[in-house]
Amino acid sequence: MSNQSGIIADQSLLDLLSNPDSNEIFAVTAQISKDATAVQINAKYNSIGQILNDLADEPLYIFIRGTLEDPEQYHFISYVPDNSPVRSKMLYAATKNTLVRQIGTSSIGRQSLLTDTSELVALVEERNAQEVSVLTESEKADIEITQQQQRLKSCEYYPNGRKLVSQTDGVPKSLAFQVKTGDGSIAELMKSYNVISFRIDLTSELIQVAAKDNIDSPRKLEISEDGPSYVIYRNGSLYYFIYCCPSGSKVKDRMVYASNRAGFIKHLKDEDHIELARIIEIGDPQELELSSLSSSNLEELAAEDAQSKAAPDIKFSKPKGPTRKRRT
């Protein structure tokens, strides 16, 4: 199957995302029509918890209003369960980038690929942590009860009873572990290298440097396919954060990386003073759209966003993804 499926969004979906008809609409779900010709509105929600209750085995696109970085943008989620039919997985993967272009990349603040409801649990807690300061005591109590119930559900993945980082504190915006670089701070390392990959050691619960490199083009970016990873790429004066969670990754790994992603991003901003131009989340390495890493300064980034917003229906050939590191 080609990188473009030929499936485009219904105008009603684009209109709703551009001008939500109610401030109470917190999120919108969309799905590919049965005849595989269009992406249509599936449902509207006023809380992310409602989405969690409705998720089934069918793939969906989820648009959540407001991100941690910009309340005016959407968090775009491709929800494709592992047990979905292969054809559905291919259709949703091939349609995703066209859909983003139609909406406009300037309207999409974050992108995620979720394959299990447990990964959405981490997102629920992330949103709760952001909004808890404006909640009433009753609402805070309700959220605490919900989080406890969600953690109980995830205990089945940890039969030995040992708490991992993702199960402590329940606040993914703060790190419950140390970041170990070995050679100074991350900011200092980024002066010598423009690509650094990080992995989580589940035994010591440390985020550690897994690889360092200097490349002169996004095309030379290599991302490991043998498990989840966080990658920071510097192109000129701009920093890009890539969260990669390859297909076939263990459920435990997915939960740990997903629930600690926001905390690590906050660490980069607060401790290393690294401002991220884009936060990108992908499944397999070849899903990375290299054009999303092409801007090397703020002027180029603004021009790219403006061009995407002005001509959302134009289709581009997606560059081939980065080289994958094979298991040896």
C-alpha atoms as a PDB file:
ATOM      1  CA  MET A   1       0.000   0.000   0.000  1.00  0.00           C
ATOM      2  CA  SER A   2       1.258   3.466  -0.859  1.00  0.00           C
ATOM      3  CA  ASN A   3       2.022   6.104   1.720  1.00  0.00           C
ATOM      4  CA  GLN A   4      -1.220   7.889   0.732  1.00  0.00           C
ATOM      5  CA  SER A   5      -4.542   6.057   0.964  1.00  0.00           C
ATOM      6  CA  GLY A   6      -6.580   8.588  -1.012  1.00  0.00           C
ATOM      7  CA  ILE A   7      -8.958   8.906   1.966  1.00  0.00           C
ATOM      8  CA  ILE A   8      -9.728  12.487   3.020  1.00  0.00           C
ATOM      9  CA  ALA A   9     -11.633  14.094   5.875  1.00  0.00           C
ATOM     10  CA  ASP A  10     -15.286  15.050   5.579  1.00  0.00           C
ATOM     11  CA  GLN A  11     -15.801  18.806   5.514  1.00  0.00           C
ATOM     12  CA  SER A  12     -18.033  18.476   8.584  1.00  0.00           C
ATOM     13  CA  LEU A  13     -15.091  17.097  10.566  1.00  0.00           C
ATOM     14  CA  LEU A  14     -12.773  19.879   9.393  1.00  0.00           C
ATOM     15  CA  ASP A  15     -15.392  22.513  10.225  1.00  0.00           C
ATOM     16  CA  LEU A  16     -15.944  21.109  13.706  1.00  0.00           C
ATOM     17  CA  LEU A  17     -12.222  21.026  14.495  1.00  0.00           C
ATOM     18  CA  SER A  18     -11.754  24.561  13.156  1.00  0.00           C
ATOM     19  CA  ASN A  19     -14.742  25.964  15.043  1.00  0.00           C
ATOM     20  CA  PRO A  20     -15.945  23.736  17.897  1.00  0.00           C
ATOM     21  CA  ASP A  21     -19.672  24.347  18.334  1.00  0.00           C
ATOM     22  CA  SER A  22     -19.459  24.278  22.130  1.00  0.00           C
ATOM     23  CA  ASN A  23     -16.898  25.018  24.799  1.00  0.00           C
ATOM     24  CA  GLU A  24     -18.028  21.807  26.435  1.00  0.00           C
ATOM     25  CA  ILE A  25     -16.646  19.718  23.577  1.00  0.00           C
ATOM     26  CA  PHE A  26     -13.403  18.415  25.004  1.00  0.00           C
ATOM     27  CA  ALA A  27     -12.599  15.825  22.367  1.00  0.00           C
ATOM     28  CA  VAL A  28     -13.773  14.467  19.028  1.00  0.00           C
ATOM     29  CA  THR A  29     -13.315  10.954  17.679  1.00  0.00           C
ATOM     30  CA  ALA A  30     -13.328  10.119  13.975  1.00  0.00           C
ATOM     31  CA  GLN A  31     -13.156   6.937  11.946  1.00  0.00           C
ATOM     32  CA  ILE A  32     -12.691   5.860   8.357  1.00  0.00           C
ATOM     33  CA  SER A  33     -16.006   5.178   6.619  1.00  0.00           C
ATOM     34  CA  LYS A  34     -16.978   1.601   5.791  1.00  0.00           C
ATOM     35  CA  ASP A  35     -16.399   2.213   2.082  1.00  0.00           C
ATOM     36  CA  ALA A  36     -12.912   3.586   2.899  1.00  0.00           C
ATOM     37  CA  THR A  37     -13.475   6.925   1.156  1.00  0.00           C
ATOM     38  CA  ALA A  38     -13.593   9.464   3.993  1.00  0.00           C
ATOM     39  CA  VAL A  39     -12.748  10.182   7.633  1.00  0.00           C
ATOM     40  CA  GLN A  40     -16.001  10.945   9.431  1.00  0.00           C
ATOM     41  CA  ILE A  41     -17.043  12.251  12.842  1.00  0.00           C
ATOM     42  CA  ASN A  42     -17.669   9.354  15.200  1.00  0.00           C
ATOM     43  CA  ALA A  43     -18.556  11.058  18.499  1.00  0.00           C
ATOM     44  CA  LYS A  44     -18.071  14.165  20.668  1.00  0.00           C
ATOM     45  CA  TYR A  45     -17.031  14.066  24.327  1.00  0.00           C
ATOM     46  CA  ASN A  46     -16.791  16.515  27.201  1.00  0.00           C
ATOM     47  CA  SER A  47     -14.184  14.496  29.127  1.00  0.00           C
ATOM     48  CA  ILE A  48     -11.338  12.175  28.297  1.00  0.00           C
ATOM     49  CA  GLY A  49     -12.678   9.632  30.775  1.00  0.00           C
ATOM     50  CA  GLN A  50     -15.729   9.137  28.566  1.00  0.00           C
ATOM     51  CA  ILE A  51     -13.463   8.230  25.673  1.00  0.00           C
ATOM     52  CA  LEU A  52     -11.681   5.680  27.833  1.00  0.00           C
ATOM     53  CA  ASN A  53     -14.992   4.009  28.634  1.00  0.00           C
ATOM     54  CA  ASP A  54     -16.027   3.857  24.970  1.00  0.00           C
ATOM     55  CA  LEU A  55     -12.812   2.511  23.434  1.00  0.00           C
ATOM     56  CA  ALA A  56     -13.248  -0.875  21.803  1.00  0.00           C
ATOM     57  CA  ASP A  57     -11.261  -2.982  19.347  1.00  0.00           C
ATOM     58  CA  GLU A  58     -11.926  -0.675  16.393  1.00  0.00           C
ATOM     59  CA  PRO A  59      -9.293   1.898  15.353  1.00  0.00           C
ATOM     60  CA  LEU A  60     -10.118   5.574  15.862  1.00  0.00           C
ATOM     61  CA  TYR A  61      -8.611   8.996  15.428  1.00  0.00           C
ATOM     62  CA  ILE A  62      -8.942  11.083  18.598  1.00  0.00           C
ATOM     63  CA  PHE A  63      -8.639  14.879  18.750  1.00  0.00           C
ATOM     64  CA  ILE A  64      -8.283  16.304  22.270  1.00  0.00           C
ATOM     65  CA  ARG A  65      -8.623  20.065  22.658  1.00  0.00           C
ATOM     66  CA  GLY A  66      -5.621  21.746  24.235  1.00  0.00           C
ATOM     67  CA  THR A  67      -2.147  20.375  24.871  1.00  0.00           C
ATOM     68  CA  LEU A  68       0.163  20.920  27.820  1.00  0.00           C
ATOM     69  CA  GLU A  69       2.113  23.319  25.619  1.00  0.00           C
ATOM     70  CA  ASP A  70      -0.715  25.206  23.852  1.00  0.00           C
ATOM     71  CA  PRO A  71      -4.410  25.195  24.856  1.00  0.00           C
ATOM     72  CA  GLU A  72      -5.398  26.293  21.335  1.00  0.00           C
ATOM     73  CA  GLN A  73      -3.962  23.206  19.629  1.00  0.00           C
ATOM     74  CA  TYR A  74      -5.148  19.614  19.417  1.00  0.00           C
ATOM     75  CA  HIS A  75      -3.514  16.460  20.710  1.00  0.00           C
ATOM     76  CA  PHE A  76      -4.006  14.089  17.762  1.00  0.00           C
ATOM     77  CA  ILE A  77      -4.107  10.408  18.690  1.00  0.00           C
ATOM     78  CA  SER A  78      -4.162   7.427  16.353  1.00  0.00           C
ATOM     79  CA  TYR A  79      -5.727   4.634  18.384  1.00  0.00           C
ATOM     80  CA  VAL A  80      -5.036   1.326  16.623  1.00  0.00           C
ATOM     81  CA  PRO A  81      -5.407  -1.723  18.918  1.00  0.00           C
ATOM     82  CA  ASP A  82      -2.951  -4.568  18.395  1.00  0.00           C
ATOM     83  CA  ASN A  83      -5.770  -6.976  17.570  1.00  0.00           C
ATOM     84  CA  SER A  84      -7.237  -4.770  14.826  1.00  0.00           C
ATOM     85  CA  PRO A  85      -7.438  -6.310  11.335  1.00  0.00           C
ATOM     86  CA  VAL A  86      -4.242  -5.806   9.338  1.00  0.00           C
ATOM     87  CA  ARG A  87      -6.118  -3.927   6.610  1.00  0.00           C
ATOM     88  CA  SER A  88      -7.500  -1.460   9.168  1.00  0.00           C
ATOM     89  CA  LYS A  89      -4.033  -0.861  10.612  1.00  0.00           C
ATOM     90  CA  MET A  90      -2.668  -0.125   7.140  1.00  0.00           C
ATOM     91  CA  LEU A  91      -5.561   2.197   6.228  1.00  0.00           C
ATOM     92  CA  TYR A  92      -5.287   4.247   9.412  1.00  0.00           C
ATOM     93  CA  ALA A  93      -1.498   4.498   9.115  1.00  0.00           C
ATOM     94  CA  ALA A  94      -1.689   5.548   5.448  1.00  0.00           C
ATOM     95  CA  THR A  95      -4.417   8.136   6.084  1.00  0.00           C
ATOM     96  CA  LYS A  96      -2.942   9.786   9.189  1.00  0.00           C
ATOM     97  CA  ASN A  97      -0.537  12.214   7.511  1.00  0.00           C
ATOM     98  CA  THR A  98      -3.101  13.325   4.919  1.00  0.00           C
ATOM     99  CA  LEU A  99      -5.550  14.050   7.734  1.00  0.00           C
ATOM    100  CA  VAL A 100      -2.972  16.108   9.633  1.00  0.00           C
ATOM    101  CA  ARG A 101      -2.220  18.160   6.507  1.00  0.00           C
ATOM    102  CA  GLN A 102      -5.914  18.826   5.918  1.00  0.00           C
ATOM    103  CA  ILE A 103      -6.367  20.089   9.464  1.00  0.00           C
ATOM    104  CA  GLY A 104      -3.088  22.003   9.360  1.00  0.00           C
ATOM    105  CA  THR A 105       0.078  21.172  11.274  1.00  0.00           C
ATOM    106  CA  SER A 106      -0.162  24.471  13.167  1.00  0.00           C
ATOM    107  CA  SER A 107      -3.385  23.173  14.743  1.00  0.00           C
ATOM    108  CA  ILE A 108      -1.791  19.899  15.864  1.00  0.00           C
ATOM    109  CA  GLY A 109       0.379  20.388  18.931  1.00  0.00           C
ATOM    110  CA  ARG A 110       1.139  16.744  19.670  1.00  0.00           C
ATOM    111  CA  GLN A 111       0.693  13.397  17.981  1.00  0.00           C
ATOM    112  CA  SER A 112       0.487   9.985  19.636  1.00  0.00           C
ATOM    113  CA  LEU A 113       0.038   6.404  18.542  1.00  0.00           C
ATOM    114  CA  LEU A 114      -1.801   4.277  21.114  1.00  0.00           C
ATOM    115  CA  THR A 115      -2.398   0.554  20.832  1.00  0.00           C
ATOM    116  CA  ASP A 116      -3.843  -0.212  24.251  1.00  0.00           C
ATOM    117  CA  THR A 117      -6.273   1.459  26.663  1.00  0.00           C
ATOM    118  CA  SER A 118      -3.582   1.384  29.360  1.00  0.00           C
ATOM    119  CA  GLU A 119      -1.663   3.988  27.369  1.00  0.00           C
ATOM    120  CA  LEU A 120      -4.667   6.287  27.464  1.00  0.00           C
ATOM    121  CA  VAL A 121      -4.738   5.899  31.261  1.00  0.00           C
ATOM    122  CA  ALA A 122      -1.375   7.691  31.359  1.00  0.00           C
ATOM    123  CA  LEU A 123      -2.829  10.450  29.214  1.00  0.00           C
ATOM    124  CA  VAL A 124      -5.802  10.772  31.580  1.00  0.00           C
ATOM    125  CA  GLU A 125      -3.446  11.337  34.512  1.00  0.00           C
ATOM    126  CA  GLU A 126      -1.388  13.812  32.495  1.00  0.00           C
ATOM    127  CA  ARG A 127      -4.462  15.899  31.760  1.00  0.00           C
ATOM    128  CA  ASN A 128      -5.614  15.647  35.365  1.00  0.00           C
ATOM    129  CA  ALA A 129      -2.234  16.857  36.630  1.00  0.00           C
ATOM    130  CA  GLN A 130      -2.488  19.911  34.387  1.00  0.00           C
ATOM    131  CA  GLU A 131      -6.021  20.837  35.443  1.00  0.00           C
ATOM    132  CA  VAL A 132      -6.067  19.811  39.113  1.00  0.00           C
ATOM    133  CA  SER A 133      -5.227  23.316  40.372  1.00  0.00           C
ATOM    134  CA  VAL A 134      -8.589  24.690  39.200  1.00  0.00           C
ATOM    135  CA  LEU A 135     -10.765  21.820  40.412  1.00  0.00           C
ATOM    136  CA  THR A 136     -13.047  21.801  43.430  1.00  0.00           C
ATOM    137  CA  GLU A 137     -12.249  19.501  46.338  1.00  0.00           C
ATOM    138  CA  SER A 138     -15.076  17.199  45.247  1.00  0.00           C
ATOM    139  CA  GLU A 139     -13.703  16.982  41.719  1.00  0.00           C
ATOM    140  CA  LYS A 140     -10.198  16.319  43.050  1.00  0.00           C
ATOM    141  CA  ALA A 141     -11.569  13.451  45.145  1.00  0.00           C
ATOM    142  CA  ASP A 142     -13.357  11.996  42.118  1.00  0.00           C
ATOM    143  CA  ILE A 143     -10.152  12.108  40.079  1.00  0.00           C
ATOM    144  CA  GLU A 144      -8.153  10.466  42.873  1.00  0.00           C
ATOM    145  CA  ILE A 145     -10.658   7.617  43.063  1.00  0.00           C
ATOM    146  CA  THR A 146     -10.557   7.179  39.270  1.00  0.00           C
ATOM    147  CA  GLN A 147      -6.757   7.113  39.244  1.00  0.00           C
ATOM    148  CA  GLN A 148      -6.665   4.501  42.003  1.00  0.00           C
ATOM    149  CA  GLN A 149      -9.085   2.332  40.051  1.00  0.00           C
ATOM    150  CA  GLN A 150      -6.982   2.714  36.916  1.00  0.00           C
ATOM    151  CA  ARG A 151      -3.816   1.708  38.770  1.00  0.00           C
ATOM    152  CA  LEU A 152      -5.553  -1.368  40.150  1.00  0.00           C
ATOM    153  CA  LYS A 153      -6.429  -2.363  36.603  1.00  0.00           C
ATOM    154  CA  SER A 154      -2.790  -2.057  35.579  1.00  0.00           C
ATOM    155  CA  CYS A 155      -1.525  -4.193  38.464  1.00  0.00           C
ATOM    156  CA  GLU A 156      -2.105  -7.325  36.396  1.00  0.00           C
ATOM    157  CA  TYR A 157       0.962  -6.353  34.387  1.00  0.00           C
ATOM    158  CA  TYR A 158       3.136  -6.440  37.533  1.00  0.00           C
ATOM    159  CA  PRO A 159       2.475  -9.793  39.251  1.00  0.00           C
ATOM    160  CA  ASN A 160       5.516  -9.476  41.495  1.00  0.00           C
ATOM    161  CA  GLY A 161       3.965  -6.419  43.149  1.00  0.00           C
ATOM    162  CA  ARG A 162       6.974  -4.146  42.587  1.00  0.00           C
ATOM    163  CA  LYS A 163       6.038  -0.557  41.768  1.00  0.00           C
ATOM    164  CA  LEU A 164       7.591   0.838  38.628  1.00  0.00           C
ATOM    165  CA  VAL A 165       8.099   4.531  37.919  1.00  0.00           C
ATOM    166  CA  SER A 166       4.776   4.742  36.091  1.00  0.00           C
ATOM    167  CA  GLN A 167       2.940   3.573  39.208  1.00  0.00           C
ATOM    168  CA  THR A 168       4.443   5.985  41.706  1.00  0.00           C
ATOM    169  CA  ASP A 169       2.949   9.360  42.592  1.00  0.00           C
ATOM    170  CA  GLY A 170       0.546   9.257  39.647  1.00  0.00           C
ATOM    171  CA  VAL A 171       1.857  12.589  38.366  1.00  0.00           C
ATOM    172  CA  PRO A 172       3.594  12.003  35.025  1.00  0.00           C
ATOM    173  CA  LYS A 173       4.669  15.656  34.789  1.00  0.00           C
ATOM    174  CA  SER A 174       7.218  15.094  37.586  1.00  0.00           C
ATOM    175  CA  LEU A 175      10.051  12.576  37.423  1.00  0.00           C
ATOM    176  CA  ALA A 176      10.256   9.927  40.126  1.00  0.00           C
ATOM    177  CA  PHE A 177      13.655   8.787  38.861  1.00  0.00           C
ATOM    178  CA  GLN A 178      17.002  10.259  37.860  1.00  0.00           C
ATOM    179  CA  VAL A 179      18.269  11.078  34.394  1.00  0.00           C
ATOM    180  CA  LYS A 180      21.736   9.626  33.999  1.00  0.00           C
ATOM    181  CA  THR A 181      23.921  11.006  31.205  1.00  0.00           C
ATOM    182  CA  GLY A 182      27.408  10.189  32.454  1.00  0.00           C
ATOM    183  CA  ASP A 183      28.954  13.117  30.554  1.00  0.00           C
ATOM    184  CA  GLY A 184      27.440  16.274  31.966  1.00  0.00           C
ATOM    185  CA  SER A 185      23.930  17.583  31.483  1.00  0.00           C
ATOM    186  CA  ILE A 186      21.768  16.872  28.453  1.00  0.00           C
ATOM    187  CA  ALA A 187      22.135  20.507  27.370  1.00  0.00           C
ATOM    188  CA  GLU A 188      25.920  20.150  27.447  1.00  0.00           C
ATOM    189  CA  LEU A 189      25.778  16.899  25.478  1.00  0.00           C
ATOM    190  CA  MET A 190      23.596  18.543  22.833  1.00  0.00           C
ATOM    191  CA  LYS A 191      26.412  21.023  22.182  1.00  0.00           C
ATOM    192  CA  SER A 192      28.633  18.137  21.074  1.00  0.00           C
ATOM    193  CA  TYR A 193      25.999  15.925  19.441  1.00  0.00           C
ATOM    194  CA  ASN A 194      22.789  16.704  17.597  1.00  0.00           C
ATOM    195  CA  VAL A 195      21.140  13.309  18.152  1.00  0.00           C
ATOM    196  CA  ILE A 196      20.827  11.613  21.544  1.00  0.00           C
ATOM    197  CA  SER A 197      18.703   8.521  22.196  1.00  0.00           C
ATOM    198  CA  PHE A 198      17.491   7.619  25.683  1.00  0.00           C
ATOM    199  CA  ARG A 199      16.209   4.347  27.128  1.00  0.00           C
ATOM    200  CA  ILE A 200      14.642   3.549  30.509  1.00  0.00           C
ATOM    201  CA  ASP A 201      16.383   0.917  32.624  1.00  0.00           C
ATOM    202  CA  LEU A 202      13.457  -0.821  34.317  1.00  0.00           C
ATOM    203  CA  THR A 203      15.713  -2.364  36.962  1.00  0.00           C
ATOM    204  CA  SER A 204      17.325   0.846  38.213  1.00  0.00           C
ATOM    205  CA  GLU A 205      14.504   3.121  36.972  1.00  0.00           C
ATOM    206  CA  LEU A 206      16.949   5.504  35.332  1.00  0.00           C
ATOM    207  CA  ILE A 207      16.660   7.281  32.009  1.00  0.00           C
ATOM    208  CA  GLN A 208      20.019   6.633  30.388  1.00  0.00           C
ATOM    209  CA  VAL A 209      21.783   7.710  27.210  1.00  0.00           C
ATOM    210  CA  ALA A 210      21.613   4.820  24.749  1.00  0.00           C
ATOM    211  CA  ALA A 211      23.294   6.415  21.724  1.00  0.00           C
ATOM    212  CA  LYS A 212      24.862   9.687  20.556  1.00  0.00           C
ATOM    213  CA  ASP A 213      25.466  10.846  17.008  1.00  0.00           C
ATOM    214  CA  ASN A 214      26.086  13.801  14.724  1.00  0.00           C
ATOM    215  CA  ILE A 215      24.182  13.869  11.437  1.00  0.00           C
ATOM    216  CA  ASP A 216      23.914  16.482   8.696  1.00  0.00           C
ATOM    217  CA  SER A 217      20.413  15.568   7.537  1.00  0.00           C
ATOM    218  CA  PRO A 218      17.204  14.150   9.056  1.00  0.00           C
ATOM    219  CA  ARG A 219      17.477  11.367   6.470  1.00  0.00           C
ATOM    220  CA  LYS A 220      20.459   9.998   8.377  1.00  0.00           C
ATOM    221  CA  LEU A 221      18.560   9.737  11.641  1.00  0.00           C
ATOM    222  CA  GLU A 222      18.623   6.198  13.020  1.00  0.00           C
ATOM    223  CA  ILE A 223      16.038   5.053  15.565  1.00  0.00           C
ATOM    224  CA  SER A 224      16.202   1.653  17.217  1.00  0.00           C
ATOM    225  CA  GLU A 225      13.326  -0.740  16.569  1.00  0.00           C
ATOM    226  CA  ASP A 226      14.071  -3.148  19.435  1.00  0.00           C
ATOM    227  CA  GLY A 227      11.985  -1.242  21.995  1.00  0.00           C
ATOM    228  CA  PRO A 228      10.621   2.189  22.972  1.00  0.00           C
ATOM    229  CA  SER A 229      12.972   5.159  23.119  1.00  0.00           C
ATOM    230  CA  TYR A 230      13.095   8.915  23.521  1.00  0.00           C
ATOM    231  CA  VAL A 231      15.166  10.759  20.904  1.00  0.00           C
ATOM    232  CA  ILE A 232      16.247  14.402  20.898  1.00  0.00           C
ATOM    233  CA  TYR A 233      17.310  15.780  17.518  1.00  0.00           C
ATOM    234  CA  ARG A 234      18.809  19.253  17.053  1.00  0.00           C
ATOM    235  CA  ASN A 235      18.469  20.791  13.602  1.00  0.00           C
ATOM    236  CA  GLY A 236      20.126  24.193  13.596  1.00  0.00           C
ATOM    237  CA  SER A 237      18.658  26.126  16.520  1.00  0.00           C
ATOM    238  CA  LEU A 238      15.562  23.928  16.893  1.00  0.00           C
ATOM    239  CA  TYR A 239      15.138  20.859  19.090  1.00  0.00           C
ATOM    240  CA  TYR A 240      12.757  18.004  18.242  1.00  0.00           C
ATOM    241  CA  PHE A 241      11.565  15.363  20.684  1.00  0.00           C
ATOM    242  CA  ILE A 242      10.636  11.967  19.227  1.00  0.00           C
ATOM    243  CA  TYR A 243       8.930   9.252  21.246  1.00  0.00           C
ATOM    244  CA  CYS A 244       9.140   5.953  19.368  1.00  0.00           C
ATOM    245  CA  CYS A 245       7.209   2.868  20.495  1.00  0.00           C
ATOM    246  CA  PRO A 246       7.687   0.134  17.851  1.00  0.00           C
ATOM    247  CA  SER A 247       5.046  -2.482  17.183  1.00  0.00           C
ATOM    248  CA  GLY A 248       5.731  -5.594  19.208  1.00  0.00           C
ATOM    249  CA  SER A 249       6.955  -3.632  22.252  1.00  0.00           C
ATOM    250  CA  LYS A 250       5.996  -5.197  25.567  1.00  0.00           C
ATOM    251  CA  VAL A 251       2.900  -3.826  27.295  1.00  0.00           C
ATOM    252  CA  LYS A 252       4.965  -3.028  30.398  1.00  0.00           C
ATOM    253  CA  ASP A 253       7.462  -1.007  28.346  1.00  0.00           C
ATOM    254  CA  ARG A 254       4.700   0.890  26.582  1.00  0.00           C
ATOM    255  CA  MET A 255       3.090   1.879  29.872  1.00  0.00           C
ATOM    256  CA  VAL A 256       6.359   2.998  31.472  1.00  0.00           C
ATOM    257  CA  TYR A 257       7.513   5.079  28.503  1.00  0.00           C
ATOM    258  CA  ALA A 258       4.066   6.575  27.877  1.00  0.00           C
ATOM    259  CA  SER A 259       3.522   7.567  31.504  1.00  0.00           C
ATOM    260  CA  ASN A 260       7.001   9.099  31.912  1.00  0.00           C
ATOM    261  CA  ARG A 261       7.134  10.942  28.607  1.00  0.00           C
ATOM    262  CA  ALA A 262       5.618  14.190  29.946  1.00  0.00           C
ATOM    263  CA  GLY A 263       7.878  14.145  33.007  1.00  0.00           C
ATOM    264  CA  PHE A 264      10.975  13.789  30.846  1.00  0.00           C
ATOM    265  CA  ILE A 265       9.841  16.614  28.562  1.00  0.00           C
ATOM    266  CA  LYS A 266       9.305  18.834  31.623  1.00  0.00           C
ATOM    267  CA  HIS A 267      12.791  17.878  32.855  1.00  0.00           C
ATOM    268  CA  LEU A 268      14.290  18.956  29.520  1.00  0.00           C
ATOM    269  CA  LYS A 269      12.538  22.315  29.766  1.00  0.00           C
ATOM    270  CA  ASP A 270      13.041  23.065  33.469  1.00  0.00           C
ATOM    271  CA  GLU A 271      16.445  21.499  34.165  1.00  0.00           C
ATOM    272  CA  ASP A 272      18.222  21.724  30.799  1.00  0.00           C
ATOM    273  CA  HIS A 273      16.350  24.785  29.454  1.00  0.00           C
ATOM    274  CA  ILE A 274      15.703  23.013  26.153  1.00  0.00           C
ATOM    275  CA  GLU A 275      12.708  24.448  24.293  1.00  0.00           C
ATOM    276  CA  LEU A 276      11.198  21.867  21.960  1.00  0.00           C
ATOM    277  CA  ALA A 277       9.996  22.983  18.535  1.00  0.00           C
ATOM    278  CA  ARG A 278       7.929  19.825  18.078  1.00  0.00           C
ATOM    279  CA  ILE A 279       6.958  16.768  20.079  1.00  0.00           C
ATOM    280  CA  ILE A 280       6.508  13.809  17.754  1.00  0.00           C
ATOM    281  CA  GLU A 281       5.194  10.377  18.665  1.00  0.00           C
ATOM    282  CA  ILE A 282       5.448   7.403  16.311  1.00  0.00           C
ATOM    283  CA  GLY A 283       5.111   3.643  16.307  1.00  0.00           C
ATOM    284  CA  ASP A 284       7.729   2.039  14.078  1.00  0.00           C
ATOM    285  CA  PRO A 285      10.711   4.210  13.030  1.00  0.00           C
ATOM    286  CA  GLN A 286       9.703   4.260   9.364  1.00  0.00           C
ATOM    287  CA  GLU A 287       6.488   6.117  10.301  1.00  0.00           C
ATOM    288  CA  LEU A 288       8.486   9.259  11.041  1.00  0.00           C
ATOM    289  CA  GLU A 289       7.743  11.946   8.455  1.00  0.00           C
ATOM    290  CA  LEU A 290      11.126  13.532   7.846  1.00  0.00           C
ATOM    291  CA  SER A 291       9.586  16.776   6.601  1.00  0.00           C
ATOM    292  CA  SER A 292       8.447  17.416  10.185  1.00  0.00           C
ATOM    293  CA  LEU A 293      12.142  17.742  11.153  1.00  0.00           C
ATOM    294  CA  SER A 294      13.245  19.895   8.212  1.00  0.00           C
ATOM    295  CA  SER A 295      13.032  23.368   9.794  1.00  0.00           C
ATOM    296  CA  SER A 296      16.276  24.587  11.366  1.00  0.00           C
ATOM    297  CA  ASN A 297      15.095  27.928  12.791  1.00  0.00           C
ATOM    298  CA  LEU A 298      11.904  29.635  13.978  1.00  0.00           C
ATOM    299  CA  GLU A 299      11.408  31.496  10.689  1.00  0.00           C
ATOM    300  CA  GLU A 300      11.443  28.262   8.677  1.00  0.00           C
ATOM    301  CA  LEU A 301       9.131  26.601  11.195  1.00  0.00           C
ATOM    302  CA  ALA A 302       6.628  29.465  10.994  1.00  0.00           C
ATOM    303  CA  ALA A 303       6.743  29.416   7.191  1.00  0.00           C
ATOM    304  CA  GLU A 304       6.193  25.654   7.153  1.00  0.00           C
ATOM    305  CA  ASP A 305       3.170  25.933   9.453  1.00  0.00           C
ATOM    306  CA  ALA A 306       1.747  28.804   7.408  1.00  0.00           C
ATOM    307  CA  GLN A 307       2.143  26.873   4.163  1.00  0.00           C
ATOM    308  CA  SER A 308       0.486  23.818   5.662  1.00  0.00           C
ATOM    309  CA  LYS A 309      -2.413  25.902   6.974  1.00  0.00           C
ATOM    310  CA  ALA A 310      -2.874  27.739   3.666  1.00  0.00           C
ATOM    311  CA  ALA A 311      -2.937  24.626   1.483  1.00  0.00           C
ATOM    312  CA  PRO A 312      -4.133  21.725   3.635  1.00  0.00           C
ATOM    313  CA  ASP A 313      -5.491  19.656   0.740  1.00  0.00           C
ATOM    314  CA  ILE A 314      -2.262  19.393  -1.223  1.00  0.00           C
ATOM    315  CA  LYS A 315      -0.750  15.930  -1.047  1.00  0.00           C
ATOM    316  CA  PHE A 316       2.993  15.442  -0.748  1.00  0.00           C
ATOM    317  CA  SER A 317       5.058  12.339  -1.126  1.00  0.00           C
ATOM    318  CA  LYS A 318       6.269  11.355   2.298  1.00  0.00           C
ATOM    319  CA  PRO A 319      10.057  10.906   2.465  1.00  0.00           C
ATOM    320  CA  LYS A 320      11.284   7.476   3.346  1.00  0.00           C
ATOM    321  CA  GLY A 321      11.584   6.994   7.089  1.00  0.00           C
ATOM    322  CA  PRO A 322      14.841   6.822   9.020  1.00  0.00           C
ATOM    323  CA  THR A 323      17.090   3.810   8.915  1.00  0.00           C
ATOM    324  CA  ARG A 324      16.122   1.223  11.503  1.00  0.00           C
ATOM    325  CA  LYS A 325      18.728  -0.436  13.676  1.00  0.00           C
ATOM    326  CA  ARG A 326      18.300  -4.164  13.290  1.00  0.00           C
ATOM    327  CA  ARG A 327      18.707  -6.599  16.139  1.00  0.00           C
ATOM    328  CA  THR A 328      22.045  -8.368  16.077  1.00  0.00           C
END
